[in-house]
Amino acid sequence: MGKIKVTKVKSAINRTQRQKRTLEALGLRKIGQVKEHEATPNILGMIAKVSHLVSVEEA
């Protein structure tokens, strides 16, 4: 499995607690912050839940 870069592009204000926790679990706190993860099914599922708040690119 390859690596992916996840960037937070929108705020978590006025989002559900579940979405806020998902962003935190991905390691994203501030807008513009980038984290690199393995493209596992768990991580891809988390990204799918907050896809409107993040951008994803292959590393």
N, C-alpha and C. Protein backbone atom coordinates (compact mmCIF):
# COMPACT_ATOMS: atom_id res chain seq x y z
N MET A 1 0.84 -1.19 0.00
CA MET A 1 0.00 0.00 0.00
C MET A 1 0.88 1.24 0.00
N GLY A 2 0.45 2.23 -0.76
CA GLY A 2 1.23 3.45 -0.88
C GLY A 2 0.96 4.43 0.24
N LYS A 3 1.66 5.54 0.14
CA LYS A 3 1.46 6.60 1.12
C LYS A 3 0.61 7.70 0.49
N ILE A 4 -0.15 8.39 1.34
CA ILE A 4 -0.96 9.51 0.90
C ILE A 4 -0.72 10.70 1.82
N LYS A 5 -0.85 11.89 1.25
CA LYS A 5 -0.75 13.12 2.02
C LYS A 5 -2.15 13.68 2.20
N VAL A 6 -2.51 13.98 3.43
CA VAL A 6 -3.82 14.51 3.74
C VAL A 6 -3.63 15.94 4.26
N THR A 7 -4.32 16.89 3.65
CA THR A 7 -4.22 18.30 4.04
C THR A 7 -5.59 18.79 4.50
N LYS A 8 -5.62 19.44 5.66
CA LYS A 8 -6.87 20.03 6.15
C LYS A 8 -7.08 21.36 5.42
N VAL A 9 -8.23 21.51 4.74
CA VAL A 9 -8.47 22.71 3.96
C VAL A 9 -9.66 23.53 4.47
N LYS A 10 -10.48 22.95 5.34
CA LYS A 10 -11.62 23.68 5.89
C LYS A 10 -11.68 23.51 7.40
N SER A 11 -12.35 24.43 8.04
CA SER A 11 -12.47 24.43 9.49
C SER A 11 -13.44 23.35 9.98
N ALA A 12 -13.25 22.93 11.22
CA ALA A 12 -14.13 21.95 11.86
C ALA A 12 -15.23 22.63 12.68
N ILE A 13 -15.27 23.96 12.65
CA ILE A 13 -16.33 24.68 13.37
C ILE A 13 -17.67 24.35 12.76
N ASN A 14 -18.67 24.16 13.58
CA ASN A 14 -20.03 23.79 13.17
C ASN A 14 -20.09 22.41 12.50
N ARG A 15 -19.17 21.54 12.85
CA ARG A 15 -19.19 20.16 12.37
C ARG A 15 -19.56 19.25 13.53
N THR A 16 -19.97 18.05 13.22
CA THR A 16 -20.35 17.12 14.28
C THR A 16 -19.12 16.70 15.08
N GLN A 17 -19.37 16.24 16.30
CA GLN A 17 -18.29 15.79 17.16
C GLN A 17 -17.53 14.63 16.52
N ARG A 18 -18.25 13.79 15.81
CA ARG A 18 -17.63 12.64 15.15
C ARG A 18 -16.63 13.09 14.09
N GLN A 19 -16.98 14.12 13.32
CA GLN A 19 -16.07 14.62 12.30
C GLN A 19 -14.85 15.28 12.94
N LYS A 20 -15.05 16.01 14.04
CA LYS A 20 -13.94 16.64 14.74
C LYS A 20 -12.97 15.59 15.27
N ARG A 21 -13.50 14.52 15.82
CA ARG A 21 -12.66 13.45 16.35
C ARG A 21 -11.92 12.72 15.23
N THR A 22 -12.57 12.57 14.09
CA THR A 22 -11.92 11.92 12.96
C THR A 22 -10.73 12.75 12.47
N LEU A 23 -10.91 14.07 12.38
CA LEU A 23 -9.80 14.94 11.98
C LEU A 23 -8.65 14.84 12.98
N GLU A 24 -8.99 14.81 14.26
CA GLU A 24 -7.95 14.72 15.28
C GLU A 24 -7.22 13.38 15.21
N ALA A 25 -7.97 12.32 14.92
CA ALA A 25 -7.36 11.00 14.79
C ALA A 25 -6.42 10.93 13.59
N LEU A 26 -6.72 11.72 12.57
CA LEU A 26 -5.83 11.79 11.40
C LEU A 26 -4.61 12.67 11.68
N GLY A 27 -4.62 13.36 12.82
CA GLY A 27 -3.50 14.21 13.18
C GLY A 27 -3.59 15.61 12.63
N LEU A 28 -4.80 16.02 12.24
CA LEU A 28 -5.00 17.34 11.63
C LEU A 28 -5.66 18.28 12.63
N ARG A 29 -4.96 19.35 12.96
CA ARG A 29 -5.51 20.32 13.91
C ARG A 29 -5.74 21.68 13.26
N LYS A 30 -4.76 22.17 12.51
CA LYS A 30 -4.86 23.50 11.93
C LYS A 30 -5.09 23.41 10.42
N ILE A 31 -5.74 24.43 9.87
CA ILE A 31 -5.96 24.49 8.43
C ILE A 31 -4.59 24.63 7.75
N GLY A 32 -4.39 23.86 6.70
CA GLY A 32 -3.13 23.87 5.98
C GLY A 32 -2.14 22.83 6.47
N GLN A 33 -2.46 22.19 7.59
CA GLN A 33 -1.57 21.16 8.13
C GLN A 33 -1.61 19.92 7.25
N VAL A 34 -0.44 19.31 7.04
CA VAL A 34 -0.33 18.13 6.18
C VAL A 34 0.21 16.97 7.00
N LYS A 35 -0.41 15.81 6.84
CA LYS A 35 0.08 14.58 7.47
C LYS A 35 0.18 13.51 6.41
N GLU A 36 1.15 12.63 6.59
CA GLU A 36 1.35 11.53 5.65
C GLU A 36 0.95 10.23 6.34
N HIS A 37 0.13 9.43 5.66
CA HIS A 37 -0.36 8.17 6.20
C HIS A 37 -0.21 7.07 5.17
N GLU A 38 -0.20 5.83 5.65
CA GLU A 38 -0.28 4.67 4.77
C GLU A 38 -1.72 4.59 4.26
N ALA A 39 -1.91 4.14 3.04
CA ALA A 39 -3.25 4.05 2.44
C ALA A 39 -3.92 2.73 2.83
N THR A 40 -4.19 2.59 4.13
CA THR A 40 -4.87 1.39 4.63
C THR A 40 -6.37 1.59 4.54
N PRO A 41 -7.15 0.53 4.58
CA PRO A 41 -8.62 0.68 4.55
C PRO A 41 -9.15 1.54 5.70
N ASN A 42 -8.52 1.45 6.89
CA ASN A 42 -8.96 2.26 8.02
C ASN A 42 -8.79 3.75 7.74
N ILE A 43 -7.63 4.12 7.27
CA ILE A 43 -7.34 5.53 6.99
C ILE A 43 -8.22 6.03 5.85
N LEU A 44 -8.39 5.23 4.80
CA LEU A 44 -9.22 5.66 3.67
C LEU A 44 -10.68 5.84 4.09
N GLY A 45 -11.16 5.03 5.01
CA GLY A 45 -12.52 5.20 5.53
C GLY A 45 -12.65 6.47 6.32
N MET A 46 -11.64 6.80 7.12
CA MET A 46 -11.67 8.04 7.89
C MET A 46 -11.66 9.25 6.96
N ILE A 47 -10.85 9.17 5.91
CA ILE A 47 -10.79 10.27 4.95
C ILE A 47 -12.13 10.44 4.23
N ALA A 48 -12.79 9.34 3.94
CA ALA A 48 -14.09 9.41 3.25
C ALA A 48 -15.12 10.14 4.11
N LYS A 49 -15.05 9.97 5.43
CA LYS A 49 -16.01 10.61 6.33
C LYS A 49 -15.82 12.12 6.42
N VAL A 50 -14.61 12.59 6.19
CA VAL A 50 -14.33 14.03 6.26
C VAL A 50 -13.79 14.56 4.93
N SER A 51 -14.19 13.95 3.84
CA SER A 51 -13.64 14.31 2.53
C SER A 51 -13.94 15.75 2.14
N HIS A 52 -15.00 16.33 2.70
CA HIS A 52 -15.36 17.72 2.40
C HIS A 52 -14.49 18.71 3.18
N LEU A 53 -13.66 18.23 4.12
CA LEU A 53 -12.80 19.09 4.92
C LEU A 53 -11.32 18.93 4.59
N VAL A 54 -10.98 17.93 3.81
CA VAL A 54 -9.57 17.64 3.53
C VAL A 54 -9.34 17.47 2.03
N SER A 55 -8.07 17.58 1.63
CA SER A 55 -7.68 17.21 0.27
C SER A 55 -6.64 16.11 0.40
N VAL A 56 -6.63 15.21 -0.58
CA VAL A 56 -5.77 14.03 -0.53
C VAL A 56 -4.96 13.95 -1.82
N GLU A 57 -3.69 13.62 -1.68
CA GLU A 57 -2.83 13.39 -2.85
C GLU A 57 -1.87 12.25 -2.52
N GLU A 58 -1.43 11.56 -3.54
CA GLU A 58 -0.50 10.47 -3.33
C GLU A 58 0.90 11.02 -3.10
N ALA A 59 1.61 10.38 -2.19
CA ALA A 59 2.96 10.85 -1.85
C ALA A 59 4.01 10.16 -2.72
